[in-house]
Amino acid sequence: MLHHVTLRTHDLEGTRAFFEAVLGLEAGYRPAFAFPGYWLYGNGEPVVHLIPGAKLPPDVNRESIDHVGFLLSEHDGMRARLEALGMAYSSMELPELGERRLFLRTHTGILLELVFKDTVADPEQPT
């Protein structure tokens, strides 16, 4: 079971604000480490840790995490939130898994996959 993900970012404040606005995570308790950062909580657990990182050009030869996935509810509500925030996203329907997914990037380029298992596709809603 995945406990948390730690993301390095050159923009701690902006990345924190992004996760708060888009996913509703909230900054909370973090031990007094010798370096700055945030622990962002969802459902009472610190699921995203943010720490400083340099802005480096992409390098496909360097090992890295490709994306981070979050299991969420209320697919249509999230779409409405992303549209209200003016955020670009793409969607994927996986009816064989009973899932719908939304993909978006943080303002610093981290790919997020939002997975929804609790809903079925609305035939009136374009994908």
Protein backbone atom coordinates (compact mmCIF):
# COMPACT_ATOMS: atom_id res chain seq x y z
CA MET A 1 0.00 0.00 0.00
CA LEU A 2 1.37 3.39 -0.95
CA HIS A 3 1.77 5.58 2.14
CA HIS A 4 2.62 8.93 0.53
CA VAL A 5 4.43 10.52 -2.38
CA THR A 6 7.17 13.13 -2.06
CA LEU A 7 7.43 15.64 -4.88
CA ARG A 8 10.40 17.91 -5.49
CA THR A 9 9.40 21.31 -6.80
CA HIS A 10 11.11 24.60 -7.52
CA ASP A 11 7.89 26.36 -6.44
CA LEU A 12 6.83 25.16 -2.98
CA GLU A 13 4.15 27.81 -2.47
CA GLY A 14 2.63 27.49 -5.94
CA THR A 15 2.62 23.68 -5.81
CA ARG A 16 1.01 23.72 -2.36
CA ALA A 17 -1.66 26.12 -3.62
CA PHE A 18 -2.27 23.92 -6.68
CA PHE A 19 -2.93 20.78 -4.61
CA GLU A 20 -5.13 22.72 -2.20
CA ALA A 21 -7.22 24.25 -5.00
CA VAL A 22 -7.51 21.19 -7.24
CA LEU A 23 -7.57 18.21 -4.86
CA GLY A 24 -8.69 19.95 -1.68
CA LEU A 25 -5.59 18.79 0.22
CA GLU A 26 -4.61 20.88 3.25
CA ALA A 27 -1.20 21.73 4.63
CA GLY A 28 -0.80 20.28 8.11
CA TYR A 29 1.67 19.13 10.69
CA ARG A 30 5.19 18.43 9.45
CA PRO A 31 8.16 17.57 11.67
CA ALA A 32 10.79 20.33 12.05
CA PHE A 33 13.14 19.08 9.35
CA ALA A 34 16.28 21.09 8.50
CA PHE A 35 14.81 21.97 5.08
CA PRO A 36 11.55 23.65 4.05
CA GLY A 37 8.51 21.85 2.74
CA TYR A 38 4.90 20.88 3.32
CA TRP A 39 2.91 17.81 4.19
CA LEU A 40 -0.46 17.96 2.48
CA TYR A 41 -3.27 16.03 4.10
CA GLY A 42 -6.30 14.28 2.66
CA ASN A 43 -8.77 12.42 4.88
CA GLY A 44 -6.53 13.10 7.87
CA GLU A 45 -3.41 11.54 6.32
CA PRO A 46 -0.30 13.30 4.93
CA VAL A 47 -0.44 11.89 1.39
CA VAL A 48 1.67 14.43 -0.53
CA HIS A 49 4.98 15.73 0.79
CA LEU A 50 6.55 18.70 -0.98
CA ILE A 51 10.25 19.50 -0.75
CA PRO A 52 12.52 21.92 -2.62
CA GLY A 53 13.99 20.86 -5.92
CA ALA A 54 15.88 22.53 -8.72
CA LYS A 55 14.19 23.34 -12.00
CA LEU A 56 15.90 20.87 -14.31
CA PRO A 57 15.27 20.19 -17.98
CA PRO A 58 13.51 16.88 -18.71
CA ASP A 59 15.87 13.95 -19.25
CA VAL A 60 14.27 10.73 -20.50
CA ASN A 61 17.45 8.84 -19.59
CA ARG A 62 17.17 9.72 -15.90
CA GLU A 63 15.03 7.53 -13.67
CA SER A 64 11.93 9.31 -12.45
CA ILE A 65 8.33 8.77 -11.46
CA ASP A 66 6.15 9.15 -14.53
CA HIS A 67 2.97 10.29 -12.76
CA VAL A 68 1.04 10.21 -9.52
CA GLY A 69 -2.46 8.73 -9.31
CA PHE A 70 -5.17 9.65 -6.83
CA LEU A 71 -8.34 7.64 -6.19
CA LEU A 72 -11.16 10.18 -5.85
CA SER A 73 -14.93 10.41 -5.94
CA GLU A 74 -17.31 12.76 -7.73
CA HIS A 75 -15.95 12.67 -11.27
CA ASP A 76 -18.40 15.27 -12.60
CA GLY A 77 -17.71 17.61 -9.68
CA MET A 78 -13.96 17.39 -10.35
CA ARG A 79 -14.48 18.15 -14.03
CA ALA A 80 -16.52 21.20 -13.07
CA ARG A 81 -13.80 22.29 -10.60
CA LEU A 82 -11.05 21.95 -13.22
CA GLU A 83 -13.10 23.89 -15.76
CA ALA A 84 -13.84 26.64 -13.20
CA LEU A 85 -10.10 26.87 -12.49
CA GLY A 86 -9.38 27.06 -16.25
CA MET A 87 -7.23 23.91 -16.08
CA ALA A 88 -6.59 21.79 -19.15
CA TYR A 89 -7.20 18.07 -18.72
CA SER A 90 -7.87 14.95 -20.74
CA SER A 91 -10.13 12.03 -19.91
CA MET A 92 -10.17 8.28 -20.34
CA GLU A 93 -13.03 5.82 -19.97
CA LEU A 94 -12.19 2.27 -18.84
CA PRO A 95 -15.60 0.57 -18.69
CA GLU A 96 -14.02 -2.88 -18.33
CA LEU A 97 -12.61 -1.67 -14.99
CA GLY A 98 -15.62 0.44 -14.07
CA GLU A 99 -13.39 3.52 -14.02
CA ARG A 100 -13.09 6.98 -15.48
CA ARG A 101 -9.84 8.96 -15.34
CA LEU A 102 -8.80 12.56 -15.71
CA PHE A 103 -5.23 13.60 -16.50
CA LEU A 104 -3.74 17.02 -15.80
CA ARG A 105 -0.42 18.64 -15.02
CA THR A 106 0.56 20.83 -12.12
CA HIS A 107 1.83 24.28 -13.03
CA THR A 108 5.37 22.85 -12.67
CA GLY A 109 4.68 19.94 -15.04
CA ILE A 110 3.95 16.96 -12.75
CA LEU A 111 1.44 14.60 -14.38
CA LEU A 112 -1.53 13.64 -12.19
CA GLU A 113 -4.00 10.85 -12.88
CA LEU A 114 -7.32 11.17 -11.09
CA VAL A 115 -9.12 7.81 -10.90
CA PHE A 116 -12.87 7.55 -10.24
CA LYS A 117 -14.46 4.17 -9.48
CA ASP A 118 -17.70 5.34 -7.91
CA THR A 119 -19.42 6.69 -11.00
CA VAL A 120 -20.61 5.60 -14.40
CA ALA A 121 -20.26 7.69 -17.51
CA ASP A 122 -23.04 10.18 -18.10
CA PRO A 123 -24.13 9.73 -21.74
CA GLU A 124 -24.88 13.47 -21.91
CA GLN A 125 -21.35 14.44 -20.77
CA PRO A 126 -18.64 14.49 -23.51
CA THR A 127 -15.41 12.66 -22.71
